[in-house]
C-alpha cells in the first residue's frame, strides 16, 4: 500500500518507520520540505532532525502535505491537533477525497493547561469529518504513546486500542493495519461512529496526568470485559 504520513514529529516518524518496515511505500508530508531538511538540531525532546532520521530510511519520501496526500492511498494524520485542520486544508480536498484518514491527533491546547479544544460536545475527529465529507475518517491510536501504537507487545499483558468512524469498510481496513502492527484481534474495540472520537480524545488529559505520575510513557488502557 501507499501511505501518506502527515507530520514530522515523533508520532509521524514512528508510524512512518513501522509502515516502511512492513513493506509499504511511504511519503511523509510537511508544510515546507526544504525547511524540514535544513534543520540540524534535535527537537525539544531530543529526537534527531528529519534529514538524520532519513539516512536510515532513504526509501521514505518527503513532500508537501499536498504531495504526500496525492501519493497516499491511505493518509495518516499525525500532525499536532491544533494545526490538523490547517494541515489537511494544505493537503487539499481533491487529494483526500474518497481516501481513508487514520487520525491519531489529539486536540490539546498546551498553552491553557493542557485543555481539550474542542471537547465534550465535539471532537477534532468530527471536525475533520465535517470539513472533508468525502474523507473516510477513522480515529484510532490517540490514547497511547507512539511506541506503543506500533509495537503493542512492548507492554506486558492485555491492553486495548479503540477505533471509531462512520465508514465500516474504512474501519475494517484500519483494523487490519492494527493487526499488522501486532495488535491482537481481541484488543481492538470498535466504539461506533466518529462522534465517539470525543470520548477517546478526552482520555488525553488523564494520559498526561498518568505520564507525570508514572514517569515514562510505556503504559496503556485496558478494558476488562466479564
N, C-alpha and C. Protein backbone atom coordinates (compact mmCIF):
# COMPACT_ATOMS: atom_id res chain seq x y z
N UNK A 1 0.84 -1.20 0.00
CA UNK A 1 0.00 0.00 0.00
C UNK A 1 0.87 1.25 0.00
N UNK A 2 0.30 2.33 -0.49
CA UNK A 2 0.97 3.63 -0.45
C UNK A 2 0.36 4.45 0.69
N UNK A 3 1.21 4.92 1.58
CA UNK A 3 0.77 5.68 2.74
C UNK A 3 1.36 7.09 2.71
N UNK A 4 0.52 8.06 3.06
CA UNK A 4 0.98 9.41 3.35
C UNK A 4 0.90 9.59 4.85
N UNK A 5 1.99 10.03 5.45
CA UNK A 5 2.01 10.33 6.88
C UNK A 5 2.23 11.83 7.02
N UNK A 6 1.21 12.53 7.46
CA UNK A 6 1.30 13.98 7.60
C UNK A 6 1.83 14.31 8.99
N UNK A 7 2.98 14.96 9.02
CA UNK A 7 3.60 15.34 10.28
C UNK A 7 4.96 14.70 10.45
N UNK A 8 5.95 15.51 10.85
CA UNK A 8 7.32 15.03 11.03
C UNK A 8 7.72 15.00 12.50
N UNK A 9 6.75 15.01 13.39
CA UNK A 9 7.04 14.86 14.80
C UNK A 9 7.31 13.41 15.16
N UNK A 10 7.46 13.14 16.45
CA UNK A 10 7.80 11.80 16.91
C UNK A 10 6.78 10.77 16.45
N UNK A 11 5.49 11.08 16.61
CA UNK A 11 4.45 10.13 16.24
C UNK A 11 4.48 9.83 14.74
N UNK A 12 4.57 10.88 13.93
CA UNK A 12 4.57 10.68 12.49
C UNK A 12 5.74 9.83 12.02
N UNK A 13 6.93 10.12 12.52
CA UNK A 13 8.09 9.37 12.07
C UNK A 13 8.11 7.95 12.62
N UNK A 14 7.57 7.76 13.82
CA UNK A 14 7.48 6.40 14.36
C UNK A 14 6.54 5.55 13.53
N UNK A 15 5.39 6.12 13.15
CA UNK A 15 4.44 5.38 12.31
C UNK A 15 5.03 5.17 10.92
N UNK A 16 5.67 6.18 10.36
CA UNK A 16 6.27 6.04 9.03
C UNK A 16 7.31 4.93 9.02
N UNK A 17 8.13 4.86 10.06
CA UNK A 17 9.15 3.82 10.13
C UNK A 17 8.53 2.43 10.20
N UNK A 18 7.46 2.30 10.97
CA UNK A 18 6.81 0.99 11.09
C UNK A 18 6.18 0.58 9.77
N UNK A 19 5.54 1.51 9.09
CA UNK A 19 4.96 1.20 7.78
C UNK A 19 6.04 0.80 6.79
N UNK A 20 7.16 1.49 6.85
CA UNK A 20 8.29 1.16 5.98
C UNK A 20 8.80 -0.25 6.29
N UNK A 21 8.93 -0.59 7.57
CA UNK A 21 9.38 -1.92 7.96
C UNK A 21 8.44 -3.01 7.45
N UNK A 22 7.16 -2.68 7.36
CA UNK A 22 6.17 -3.66 6.90
C UNK A 22 6.10 -3.75 5.38
N UNK A 23 6.92 -2.98 4.68
CA UNK A 23 6.99 -3.09 3.23
C UNK A 23 6.10 -2.14 2.47
N UNK A 24 5.46 -1.19 3.15
CA UNK A 24 4.61 -0.22 2.46
C UNK A 24 5.47 0.91 1.89
N UNK A 25 4.94 1.58 0.89
CA UNK A 25 5.58 2.78 0.35
C UNK A 25 5.06 3.98 1.13
N UNK A 26 5.97 4.84 1.56
CA UNK A 26 5.60 5.93 2.48
C UNK A 26 6.18 7.25 2.00
N UNK A 27 5.34 8.28 2.01
CA UNK A 27 5.81 9.65 1.84
C UNK A 27 5.34 10.45 3.05
N UNK A 28 6.26 11.12 3.69
CA UNK A 28 5.95 11.96 4.84
C UNK A 28 5.64 13.36 4.33
N UNK A 29 4.57 13.94 4.85
CA UNK A 29 4.18 15.28 4.45
C UNK A 29 4.54 16.32 5.48
N UNK A 30 5.01 17.47 5.02
CA UNK A 30 5.36 18.58 5.90
C UNK A 30 4.99 19.88 5.20
N UNK A 31 4.90 20.95 5.96
CA UNK A 31 4.49 22.22 5.36
C UNK A 31 5.54 22.74 4.37
N UNK A 32 6.81 22.65 4.75
CA UNK A 32 7.88 23.20 3.91
C UNK A 32 9.04 22.22 3.89
N UNK A 33 9.12 21.34 2.89
CA UNK A 33 10.18 20.32 2.86
C UNK A 33 11.60 20.89 2.94
N UNK A 34 11.95 21.96 2.22
CA UNK A 34 13.32 22.49 2.37
C UNK A 34 13.66 22.90 3.80
N UNK A 35 12.70 23.53 4.48
CA UNK A 35 12.94 23.90 5.88
C UNK A 35 13.12 22.67 6.74
N UNK A 36 12.30 21.63 6.50
CA UNK A 36 12.40 20.40 7.28
C UNK A 36 13.76 19.75 7.09
N UNK A 37 14.24 19.72 5.84
CA UNK A 37 15.54 19.10 5.55
C UNK A 37 16.70 19.94 6.06
N UNK A 38 16.49 21.24 6.21
CA UNK A 38 17.58 22.13 6.62
C UNK A 38 17.83 22.09 8.13
N UNK A 39 16.89 21.55 8.89
CA UNK A 39 17.08 21.52 10.34
C UNK A 39 18.23 20.60 10.71
N UNK A 40 19.07 21.07 11.62
CA UNK A 40 20.24 20.29 12.03
C UNK A 40 20.25 19.98 13.52
N UNK A 41 19.35 20.58 14.26
CA UNK A 41 19.33 20.38 15.71
C UNK A 41 18.24 19.40 16.11
N UNK A 42 18.45 18.63 17.20
CA UNK A 42 17.37 17.78 17.71
C UNK A 42 16.16 18.62 18.11
N UNK A 43 14.98 17.96 18.16
CA UNK A 43 13.79 18.68 18.59
C UNK A 43 13.80 18.84 20.12
N UNK A 44 12.70 19.36 20.66
CA UNK A 44 12.67 19.71 22.08
C UNK A 44 12.79 18.50 23.00
N UNK A 45 12.50 17.30 22.49
CA UNK A 45 12.65 16.10 23.34
C UNK A 45 13.84 15.24 22.91
N UNK A 46 14.70 15.81 22.06
CA UNK A 46 15.95 15.13 21.73
C UNK A 46 15.94 14.25 20.51
N UNK A 47 14.83 14.21 19.77
CA UNK A 47 14.81 13.40 18.55
C UNK A 47 15.68 14.03 17.46
N UNK A 48 16.34 13.23 16.65
CA UNK A 48 17.20 13.80 15.62
C UNK A 48 16.39 14.53 14.56
N UNK A 49 17.00 15.47 13.84
CA UNK A 49 16.30 16.17 12.76
C UNK A 49 15.94 15.20 11.65
N UNK A 50 14.99 15.58 10.82
CA UNK A 50 14.47 14.68 9.79
C UNK A 50 15.56 14.16 8.88
N UNK A 51 16.46 15.03 8.43
CA UNK A 51 17.49 14.60 7.48
C UNK A 51 18.34 13.48 8.07
N UNK A 52 18.63 13.56 9.37
CA UNK A 52 19.40 12.49 10.01
C UNK A 52 18.56 11.22 10.12
N UNK A 53 17.29 11.37 10.49
CA UNK A 53 16.38 10.21 10.57
C UNK A 53 16.29 9.52 9.21
N UNK A 54 16.25 10.29 8.14
CA UNK A 54 16.04 9.73 6.81
C UNK A 54 17.27 8.99 6.29
N UNK A 55 18.43 9.19 6.89
CA UNK A 55 19.62 8.47 6.41
C UNK A 55 19.44 6.96 6.55
N UNK A 56 18.63 6.52 7.53
CA UNK A 56 18.35 5.09 7.69
C UNK A 56 17.04 4.69 7.03
N UNK A 57 16.35 5.66 6.42
CA UNK A 57 15.04 5.41 5.81
C UNK A 57 14.98 6.08 4.45
N UNK A 58 15.98 5.83 3.63
CA UNK A 58 16.09 6.57 2.37
C UNK A 58 14.95 6.29 1.40
N UNK A 59 14.27 5.16 1.59
CA UNK A 59 13.15 4.85 0.71
C UNK A 59 11.88 5.60 1.11
N UNK A 60 11.89 6.23 2.29
CA UNK A 60 10.74 7.04 2.72
C UNK A 60 10.90 8.43 2.13
N UNK A 61 9.89 8.86 1.38
CA UNK A 61 9.95 10.15 0.73
C UNK A 61 9.51 11.29 1.62
N UNK A 62 9.79 12.50 1.19
CA UNK A 62 9.35 13.71 1.88
C UNK A 62 8.75 14.64 0.85
N UNK A 63 7.60 15.21 1.16
CA UNK A 63 6.96 16.16 0.25
C UNK A 63 6.10 17.12 1.03
N UNK A 64 5.46 18.00 0.31
CA UNK A 64 4.49 18.89 0.93
C UNK A 64 3.29 18.06 1.40
N UNK A 65 2.44 18.66 2.20
CA UNK A 65 1.22 17.97 2.60
C UNK A 65 0.43 17.53 1.36
N UNK A 66 0.34 18.41 0.36
CA UNK A 66 -0.41 18.08 -0.84
C UNK A 66 0.23 16.95 -1.62
N UNK A 67 1.55 16.99 -1.76
CA UNK A 67 2.24 15.92 -2.50
C UNK A 67 2.09 14.58 -1.80
N UNK A 68 2.22 14.57 -0.49
CA UNK A 68 2.07 13.33 0.25
C UNK A 68 0.65 12.79 0.13
N UNK A 69 -0.34 13.67 0.32
CA UNK A 69 -1.73 13.23 0.25
C UNK A 69 -2.08 12.71 -1.13
N UNK A 70 -1.55 13.31 -2.18
CA UNK A 70 -1.81 12.83 -3.53
C UNK A 70 -1.21 11.44 -3.73
N UNK A 71 -0.08 11.17 -3.09
CA UNK A 71 0.60 9.87 -3.22
C UNK A 71 -0.12 8.76 -2.47
N UNK A 72 -0.61 9.05 -1.30
CA UNK A 72 -1.09 8.00 -0.41
C UNK A 72 -2.45 7.45 -0.79
N UNK A 73 -2.58 6.14 -0.71
CA UNK A 73 -3.90 5.51 -0.79
C UNK A 73 -4.61 5.63 0.56
N UNK A 74 -3.83 5.60 1.62
CA UNK A 74 -4.31 5.84 2.98
C UNK A 74 -3.47 6.96 3.56
N UNK A 75 -4.12 7.88 4.28
CA UNK A 75 -3.44 9.04 4.84
C UNK A 75 -3.48 8.93 6.36
N UNK A 76 -2.34 9.18 6.99
CA UNK A 76 -2.25 9.20 8.45
C UNK A 76 -2.07 10.65 8.89
N UNK A 77 -2.99 11.14 9.72
CA UNK A 77 -2.83 12.47 10.28
C UNK A 77 -2.12 12.37 11.60
N UNK A 78 -0.83 12.70 11.59
CA UNK A 78 -0.02 12.70 12.81
C UNK A 78 0.47 14.11 13.12
N UNK A 79 -0.26 15.11 12.64
CA UNK A 79 0.08 16.49 12.97
C UNK A 79 -0.45 16.82 14.36
N UNK A 80 0.05 17.89 14.95
CA UNK A 80 -0.46 18.34 16.24
C UNK A 80 -1.91 18.77 16.09
N UNK A 81 -2.74 18.37 17.06
CA UNK A 81 -4.17 18.63 16.96
C UNK A 81 -4.56 20.06 16.62
N UNK A 82 -3.96 21.08 17.26
CA UNK A 82 -4.36 22.46 16.97
C UNK A 82 -4.12 22.90 15.52
N UNK A 83 -3.24 22.20 14.80
CA UNK A 83 -2.95 22.59 13.41
C UNK A 83 -3.43 21.55 12.41
N UNK A 84 -4.13 20.53 12.86
CA UNK A 84 -4.52 19.44 11.96
C UNK A 84 -5.41 19.90 10.81
N UNK A 85 -6.42 20.72 11.12
CA UNK A 85 -7.32 21.16 10.05
C UNK A 85 -6.57 22.00 9.01
N UNK A 86 -5.67 22.85 9.47
CA UNK A 86 -4.88 23.65 8.52
C UNK A 86 -3.99 22.77 7.67
N UNK A 87 -3.40 21.73 8.27
CA UNK A 87 -2.55 20.82 7.52
C UNK A 87 -3.36 20.07 6.47
N UNK A 88 -4.56 19.65 6.82
CA UNK A 88 -5.39 18.93 5.87
C UNK A 88 -5.90 19.85 4.77
N UNK A 89 -6.18 21.09 5.11
CA UNK A 89 -6.54 22.06 4.08
C UNK A 89 -5.39 22.25 3.10
N UNK A 90 -4.16 22.29 3.63
CA UNK A 90 -2.99 22.40 2.76
C UNK A 90 -2.81 21.14 1.91
N UNK A 91 -3.20 19.99 2.45
CA UNK A 91 -3.13 18.74 1.68
C UNK A 91 -4.07 18.77 0.50
N UNK A 92 -5.20 19.44 0.65
CA UNK A 92 -6.13 19.61 -0.46
C UNK A 92 -7.24 18.59 -0.49
N UNK A 93 -8.48 19.07 -0.50
CA UNK A 93 -9.64 18.18 -0.52
C UNK A 93 -9.61 17.25 -1.71
N UNK A 94 -9.10 17.73 -2.83
CA UNK A 94 -9.05 16.89 -4.04
C UNK A 94 -8.08 15.73 -3.89
N UNK A 95 -7.06 15.89 -3.05
CA UNK A 95 -6.10 14.80 -2.83
C UNK A 95 -6.56 13.84 -1.74
N UNK A 96 -7.59 14.23 -0.98
CA UNK A 96 -8.07 13.42 0.12
C UNK A 96 -9.37 12.70 -0.21
N UNK A 97 -10.09 13.16 -1.19
CA UNK A 97 -11.44 12.66 -1.47
C UNK A 97 -11.47 11.15 -1.64
N UNK A 98 -12.36 10.50 -0.90
CA UNK A 98 -12.56 9.07 -1.01
C UNK A 98 -11.55 8.22 -0.26
N UNK A 99 -10.53 8.84 0.30
CA UNK A 99 -9.47 8.08 0.96
C UNK A 99 -9.77 7.88 2.44
N UNK A 100 -9.09 6.91 3.03
CA UNK A 100 -9.16 6.69 4.47
C UNK A 100 -8.16 7.61 5.15
N UNK A 101 -8.62 8.30 6.18
CA UNK A 101 -7.72 9.08 7.02
C UNK A 101 -7.65 8.43 8.39
N UNK A 102 -6.50 7.92 8.74
CA UNK A 102 -6.25 7.38 10.07
C UNK A 102 -5.77 8.55 10.92
N UNK A 103 -6.64 8.98 11.84
CA UNK A 103 -6.37 10.19 12.61
C UNK A 103 -5.90 9.83 14.01
N UNK A 104 -4.63 10.13 14.31
CA UNK A 104 -4.07 9.85 15.64
C UNK A 104 -3.86 11.13 16.44
N UNK A 105 -4.34 12.25 15.94
CA UNK A 105 -4.07 13.54 16.57
C UNK A 105 -4.90 13.73 17.84
N UNK A 106 -4.40 14.61 18.70
CA UNK A 106 -5.07 14.93 19.97
C UNK A 106 -5.19 16.46 20.05
N UNK A 107 -6.41 16.98 20.26
CA UNK A 107 -6.60 18.44 20.25
C UNK A 107 -6.30 19.08 21.60
N UNK A 108 -5.07 18.98 22.03
CA UNK A 108 -4.64 19.55 23.31
C UNK A 108 -4.07 20.95 23.09
N UNK A 109 -4.62 21.91 23.81
CA UNK A 109 -4.08 23.27 23.82
C UNK A 109 -3.18 23.39 25.06
N UNK A 110 -1.89 23.22 24.87
CA UNK A 110 -0.95 23.22 25.99
C UNK A 110 -0.76 24.61 26.59
N UNK A 111 -1.16 25.64 25.86
CA UNK A 111 -1.00 26.99 26.38
C UNK A 111 -1.98 27.29 27.51
N UNK A 112 -3.00 26.42 27.66
CA UNK A 112 -4.03 26.66 28.67
C UNK A 112 -4.15 25.53 29.67
N UNK A 113 -3.13 24.65 29.73
CA UNK A 113 -3.39 23.72 30.81
C UNK A 113 -2.63 22.46 31.01
N UNK A 114 -2.84 21.43 30.25
CA UNK A 114 -3.45 21.31 28.92
C UNK A 114 -4.99 21.27 28.96
N UNK A 115 -5.60 21.79 27.90
CA UNK A 115 -7.05 21.83 27.78
C UNK A 115 -7.43 21.27 26.42
N UNK A 116 -8.50 20.47 26.39
CA UNK A 116 -9.02 19.98 25.12
C UNK A 116 -9.76 21.09 24.38
N UNK A 117 -9.50 21.23 23.09
CA UNK A 117 -10.21 22.20 22.27
C UNK A 117 -10.28 21.64 20.85
N UNK A 118 -11.43 21.08 20.45
CA UNK A 118 -12.72 21.02 21.14
C UNK A 118 -12.78 19.90 22.18
N UNK A 119 -13.91 19.85 22.88
CA UNK A 119 -14.11 18.79 23.85
C UNK A 119 -15.57 18.71 24.26
N UNK A 120 -15.91 17.62 24.93
CA UNK A 120 -17.23 17.36 25.49
C UNK A 120 -18.31 17.13 24.42
N UNK A 121 -18.69 18.15 23.68
CA UNK A 121 -19.78 18.02 22.72
C UNK A 121 -19.29 17.99 21.28
N UNK A 122 -18.01 17.94 21.09
CA UNK A 122 -17.43 17.88 19.75
C UNK A 122 -16.04 17.27 19.87
N UNK A 123 -15.42 16.99 18.74
CA UNK A 123 -14.07 16.43 18.75
C UNK A 123 -13.36 16.86 17.49
N UNK A 124 -12.05 16.74 17.51
CA UNK A 124 -11.27 17.04 16.31
C UNK A 124 -11.62 16.05 15.21
N UNK A 125 -11.79 14.76 15.57
CA UNK A 125 -12.17 13.78 14.56
C UNK A 125 -13.44 14.17 13.84
N UNK A 126 -14.44 14.64 14.58
CA UNK A 126 -15.70 15.07 13.96
C UNK A 126 -15.50 16.32 13.11
N UNK A 127 -14.69 17.25 13.58
CA UNK A 127 -14.45 18.47 12.80
C UNK A 127 -13.77 18.15 11.48
N UNK A 128 -12.83 17.21 11.52
CA UNK A 128 -12.18 16.80 10.27
C UNK A 128 -13.20 16.17 9.33
N UNK A 129 -14.06 15.30 9.86
CA UNK A 129 -15.05 14.65 9.01
C UNK A 129 -16.02 15.66 8.41
N UNK A 130 -16.44 16.66 9.19
CA UNK A 130 -17.34 17.68 8.66
C UNK A 130 -16.65 18.54 7.61
N UNK A 131 -15.38 18.87 7.84
CA UNK A 131 -14.66 19.73 6.90
C UNK A 131 -14.36 19.03 5.59
N UNK A 132 -14.22 17.69 5.65
CA UNK A 132 -13.88 16.90 4.46
C UNK A 132 -14.86 15.74 4.36
N UNK A 133 -16.09 16.01 3.92
CA UNK A 133 -17.13 14.97 3.93
C UNK A 133 -16.82 13.77 3.03
N UNK A 134 -15.94 13.95 2.05
CA UNK A 134 -15.59 12.83 1.17
C UNK A 134 -14.46 11.98 1.74
N UNK A 135 -13.89 12.40 2.85
CA UNK A 135 -12.82 11.67 3.51
C UNK A 135 -13.44 10.65 4.47
N UNK A 136 -12.83 9.49 4.59
CA UNK A 136 -13.35 8.45 5.49
C UNK A 136 -12.47 8.42 6.73
N UNK A 137 -12.88 9.18 7.75
CA UNK A 137 -12.06 9.39 8.94
C UNK A 137 -12.23 8.23 9.92
N UNK A 138 -11.11 7.69 10.37
CA UNK A 138 -11.10 6.68 11.43
C UNK A 138 -10.18 7.18 12.53
N UNK A 139 -10.75 7.41 13.70
CA UNK A 139 -9.97 7.85 14.85
C UNK A 139 -9.44 6.62 15.58
N UNK A 140 -8.14 6.57 15.80
CA UNK A 140 -7.54 5.43 16.49
C UNK A 140 -6.14 5.79 16.94
N UNK A 141 -5.58 5.01 17.85
CA UNK A 141 -4.19 5.12 18.31
C UNK A 141 -3.90 6.42 19.05
N UNK A 142 -4.93 7.20 19.38
CA UNK A 142 -4.72 8.50 20.01
C UNK A 142 -4.75 8.44 21.53
N UNK A 143 -4.74 7.24 22.10
CA UNK A 143 -4.83 7.09 23.56
C UNK A 143 -3.57 6.47 24.15
N UNK A 144 -2.45 6.58 23.44
CA UNK A 144 -1.22 5.94 23.90
C UNK A 144 -0.01 6.62 23.28
N UNK A 145 1.15 6.28 23.77
CA UNK A 145 2.41 6.75 23.22
C UNK A 145 2.66 6.11 21.86
N UNK A 146 3.40 6.82 21.00
CA UNK A 146 3.60 6.33 19.63
C UNK A 146 4.37 5.02 19.58
N UNK A 147 5.25 4.76 20.54
CA UNK A 147 5.97 3.49 20.53
C UNK A 147 5.03 2.32 20.78
N UNK A 148 4.04 2.55 21.64
CA UNK A 148 3.04 1.52 21.90
C UNK A 148 2.11 1.36 20.69
N UNK A 149 1.81 2.46 19.99
CA UNK A 149 0.98 2.39 18.80
C UNK A 149 1.44 1.30 17.84
N UNK A 150 2.75 1.30 17.56
CA UNK A 150 3.28 0.44 16.51
C UNK A 150 3.91 -0.84 17.03
N UNK A 151 4.00 -0.97 18.38
CA UNK A 151 4.60 -2.15 18.98
C UNK A 151 3.90 -2.45 20.30
N UNK A 152 2.64 -2.92 20.23
CA UNK A 152 1.91 -3.16 21.47
C UNK A 152 2.54 -4.20 22.37
N UNK A 153 3.37 -5.08 21.82
CA UNK A 153 4.00 -6.13 22.62
C UNK A 153 5.05 -5.58 23.58
N UNK A 154 5.40 -4.30 23.47
CA UNK A 154 6.36 -3.73 24.41
C UNK A 154 5.75 -3.63 25.81
N UNK A 155 4.42 -3.74 25.92
CA UNK A 155 3.77 -3.75 27.23
C UNK A 155 3.36 -5.17 27.59
N UNK A 156 3.60 -5.60 28.81
CA UNK A 156 3.17 -6.94 29.22
C UNK A 156 1.66 -6.98 29.44
N UNK A 157 1.06 -8.11 29.12
CA UNK A 157 -0.36 -8.28 29.39
C UNK A 157 -1.24 -7.61 28.36
N UNK A 158 -2.56 -7.80 28.50
CA UNK A 158 -3.51 -7.25 27.52
C UNK A 158 -3.73 -5.75 27.71
N UNK A 159 -3.98 -5.08 26.62
CA UNK A 159 -4.39 -3.68 26.64
C UNK A 159 -5.09 -3.39 25.32
N UNK A 160 -5.73 -2.23 25.23
CA UNK A 160 -6.67 -2.01 24.13
C UNK A 160 -6.34 -0.80 23.27
N UNK A 161 -6.82 -0.89 22.02
CA UNK A 161 -6.80 0.23 21.10
C UNK A 161 -8.24 0.41 20.60
N UNK A 162 -8.68 1.66 20.50
CA UNK A 162 -10.05 1.96 20.09
C UNK A 162 -10.08 2.44 18.64
N UNK A 163 -11.16 2.13 17.96
CA UNK A 163 -11.40 2.68 16.62
C UNK A 163 -12.81 3.24 16.58
N UNK A 164 -12.98 4.35 15.87
CA UNK A 164 -14.32 4.87 15.64
C UNK A 164 -14.33 5.62 14.31
N UNK A 165 -15.46 5.56 13.65
CA UNK A 165 -15.63 6.19 12.35
C UNK A 165 -16.95 5.79 11.74
N UNK A 166 -17.40 6.55 10.78
CA UNK A 166 -18.71 6.32 10.18
C UNK A 166 -18.70 5.30 9.05
N UNK A 167 -17.53 4.98 8.52
CA UNK A 167 -17.42 4.08 7.37
C UNK A 167 -16.92 2.71 7.83
N UNK A 168 -17.78 1.70 7.72
CA UNK A 168 -17.42 0.36 8.22
C UNK A 168 -16.24 -0.23 7.47
N UNK A 169 -16.19 -0.03 6.14
CA UNK A 169 -15.08 -0.59 5.36
C UNK A 169 -13.77 0.07 5.75
N UNK A 170 -13.80 1.38 6.00
CA UNK A 170 -12.59 2.08 6.41
C UNK A 170 -12.10 1.56 7.76
N UNK A 171 -13.03 1.36 8.68
CA UNK A 171 -12.63 0.82 10.00
C UNK A 171 -12.06 -0.58 9.85
N UNK A 172 -12.60 -1.36 8.94
CA UNK A 172 -12.08 -2.71 8.73
C UNK A 172 -10.65 -2.64 8.20
N UNK A 173 -10.38 -1.75 7.25
CA UNK A 173 -9.03 -1.61 6.71
C UNK A 173 -8.05 -1.15 7.77
N UNK A 174 -8.47 -0.20 8.60
CA UNK A 174 -7.61 0.28 9.67
C UNK A 174 -7.36 -0.81 10.70
N UNK A 175 -8.38 -1.58 11.02
CA UNK A 175 -8.21 -2.68 11.95
C UNK A 175 -7.21 -3.70 11.44
N UNK A 176 -7.24 -3.98 10.15
CA UNK A 176 -6.26 -4.91 9.57
C UNK A 176 -4.85 -4.34 9.69
N UNK A 177 -4.72 -3.02 9.53
CA UNK A 177 -3.41 -2.40 9.72
C UNK A 177 -2.97 -2.54 11.17
N UNK A 178 -3.88 -2.34 12.10
CA UNK A 178 -3.54 -2.50 13.52
C UNK A 178 -3.07 -3.93 13.80
N UNK A 179 -3.73 -4.90 13.22
CA UNK A 179 -3.28 -6.30 13.38
C UNK A 179 -1.86 -6.45 12.89
N UNK A 180 -1.54 -5.81 11.75
CA UNK A 180 -0.18 -5.94 11.20
C UNK A 180 0.85 -5.26 12.10
N UNK A 181 0.41 -4.28 12.90
CA UNK A 181 1.30 -3.65 13.89
C UNK A 181 1.54 -4.58 15.08
N UNK A 182 0.71 -5.61 15.21
CA UNK A 182 0.87 -6.55 16.31
C UNK A 182 -0.25 -6.53 17.33
N UNK A 183 -1.30 -5.74 17.07
CA UNK A 183 -2.43 -5.72 17.98
C UNK A 183 -3.24 -6.99 17.82
N UNK A 184 -3.46 -7.76 18.89
CA UNK A 184 -4.30 -8.95 18.78
C UNK A 184 -5.74 -8.57 18.42
N UNK A 185 -6.44 -9.47 17.74
CA UNK A 185 -7.79 -9.17 17.29
C UNK A 185 -8.69 -8.74 18.44
N UNK A 186 -8.58 -9.41 19.59
CA UNK A 186 -9.44 -9.08 20.71
C UNK A 186 -9.12 -7.77 21.40
N UNK A 187 -8.01 -7.16 21.05
CA UNK A 187 -7.61 -5.91 21.71
C UNK A 187 -8.19 -4.68 21.03
N UNK A 188 -8.73 -4.84 19.82
CA UNK A 188 -9.26 -3.71 19.05
C UNK A 188 -10.75 -3.56 19.38
N UNK A 189 -11.12 -2.44 19.98
CA UNK A 189 -12.51 -2.19 20.37
C UNK A 189 -13.12 -1.11 19.48
N UNK A 190 -14.17 -1.48 18.75
CA UNK A 190 -14.88 -0.55 17.87
C UNK A 190 -15.93 0.19 18.70
N UNK A 191 -15.79 1.50 18.78
CA UNK A 191 -16.70 2.32 19.58
C UNK A 191 -17.82 2.94 18.76
N UNK A 192 -17.93 2.57 17.49
CA UNK A 192 -19.02 3.09 16.68
C UNK A 192 -18.61 4.25 15.80
N UNK A 193 -19.53 5.21 15.64
CA UNK A 193 -19.33 6.31 14.71
C UNK A 193 -18.29 7.32 15.16
N UNK A 194 -18.05 8.29 14.30
CA UNK A 194 -16.99 9.26 14.55
C UNK A 194 -17.30 10.15 15.76
N UNK A 195 -18.57 10.23 16.19
CA UNK A 195 -18.86 11.01 17.39
C UNK A 195 -18.15 10.43 18.62
N UNK A 196 -17.80 9.15 18.57
CA UNK A 196 -17.08 8.55 19.70
C UNK A 196 -15.66 9.08 19.82
N UNK A 197 -15.18 9.79 18.80
CA UNK A 197 -13.85 10.39 18.90
C UNK A 197 -13.76 11.36 20.06
N UNK A 198 -14.88 12.00 20.40
CA UNK A 198 -14.83 12.96 21.52
C UNK A 198 -14.48 12.25 22.83
N UNK A 199 -14.88 10.98 22.96
CA UNK A 199 -14.61 10.26 24.20
C UNK A 199 -13.16 9.75 24.25
N UNK A 200 -12.64 9.27 23.13
CA UNK A 200 -11.25 8.83 23.16
C UNK A 200 -10.31 10.02 23.28
N UNK A 201 -10.67 11.14 22.65
CA UNK A 201 -9.83 12.34 22.79
C UNK A 201 -9.82 12.83 24.23
N UNK A 202 -10.92 12.62 24.97
CA UNK A 202 -10.98 13.06 26.36
C UNK A 202 -10.10 12.24 27.28
N UNK A 203 -9.52 11.16 26.77
CA UNK A 203 -8.56 10.39 27.56
C UNK A 203 -7.19 11.06 27.60
N UNK A 204 -6.97 12.04 26.71
CA UNK A 204 -5.65 12.68 26.64
C UNK A 204 -5.24 13.34 27.95
N UNK A 205 -6.10 14.12 28.62
CA UNK A 205 -5.65 14.76 29.86
C UNK A 205 -5.29 13.75 30.95
N UNK A 206 -6.07 12.68 31.09
CA UNK A 206 -5.71 11.70 32.13
C UNK A 206 -4.45 10.94 31.72
N UNK A 207 -4.24 10.73 30.41
CA UNK A 207 -3.00 10.09 29.97
C UNK A 207 -1.80 10.96 30.37
N UNK A 208 -1.91 12.25 30.16
CA UNK A 208 -0.81 13.15 30.52
C UNK A 208 -0.59 13.16 32.02
N UNK A 209 -1.68 13.11 32.79
CA UNK A 209 -1.55 13.05 34.25
C UNK A 209 -0.84 11.78 34.68
N UNK A 210 -1.22 10.65 34.05
CA UNK A 210 -0.57 9.38 34.37
C UNK A 210 0.90 9.41 33.99
N UNK A 211 1.22 10.04 32.87
CA UNK A 211 2.61 10.15 32.46
C UNK A 211 3.43 10.85 33.55
N UNK A 212 2.87 11.91 34.12
CA UNK A 212 3.57 12.61 35.18
C UNK A 212 3.77 11.76 36.42
N UNK A 213 2.79 10.93 36.74
CA UNK A 213 2.87 10.09 37.93
C UNK A 213 3.76 8.87 37.71
N UNK A 214 3.65 8.25 36.51
CA UNK A 214 4.41 7.03 36.23
C UNK A 214 5.87 7.35 35.88
N UNK A 215 6.06 8.45 35.17
CA UNK A 215 7.42 8.88 34.85
C UNK A 215 7.94 8.40 33.52
N UNK A 216 7.17 7.63 32.79
CA UNK A 216 7.55 7.19 31.44
C UNK A 216 6.28 6.86 30.67
N UNK A 217 6.34 6.80 29.32
CA UNK A 217 5.12 6.65 28.53
C UNK A 217 4.74 5.21 28.18
N UNK A 218 5.42 4.23 28.74
CA UNK A 218 5.12 2.84 28.39
C UNK A 218 3.99 2.29 29.24
N UNK A 219 2.77 2.76 28.94
CA UNK A 219 1.57 2.27 29.59
C UNK A 219 0.40 2.49 28.64
N UNK A 220 -0.72 1.85 28.96
CA UNK A 220 -1.91 1.99 28.10
C UNK A 220 -3.14 1.62 28.92
N UNK A 221 -4.31 1.81 28.32
CA UNK A 221 -5.57 1.48 28.95
C UNK A 221 -6.00 0.06 28.59
N UNK A 222 -6.61 -0.61 29.56
CA UNK A 222 -7.13 -1.95 29.33
C UNK A 222 -8.56 -2.02 29.84
N UNK A 223 -9.45 -2.50 28.99
CA UNK A 223 -10.85 -2.71 29.37
C UNK A 223 -11.05 -4.17 29.69
N UNK A 224 -11.33 -4.47 30.94
CA UNK A 224 -11.58 -5.85 31.36
C UNK A 224 -13.06 -6.15 31.17
N UNK A 225 -13.35 -7.14 30.31
CA UNK A 225 -14.72 -7.49 29.99
C UNK A 225 -15.06 -8.83 30.62
N UNK A 226 -16.14 -8.88 31.38
CA UNK A 226 -16.54 -10.10 32.07
C UNK A 226 -17.03 -11.15 31.06
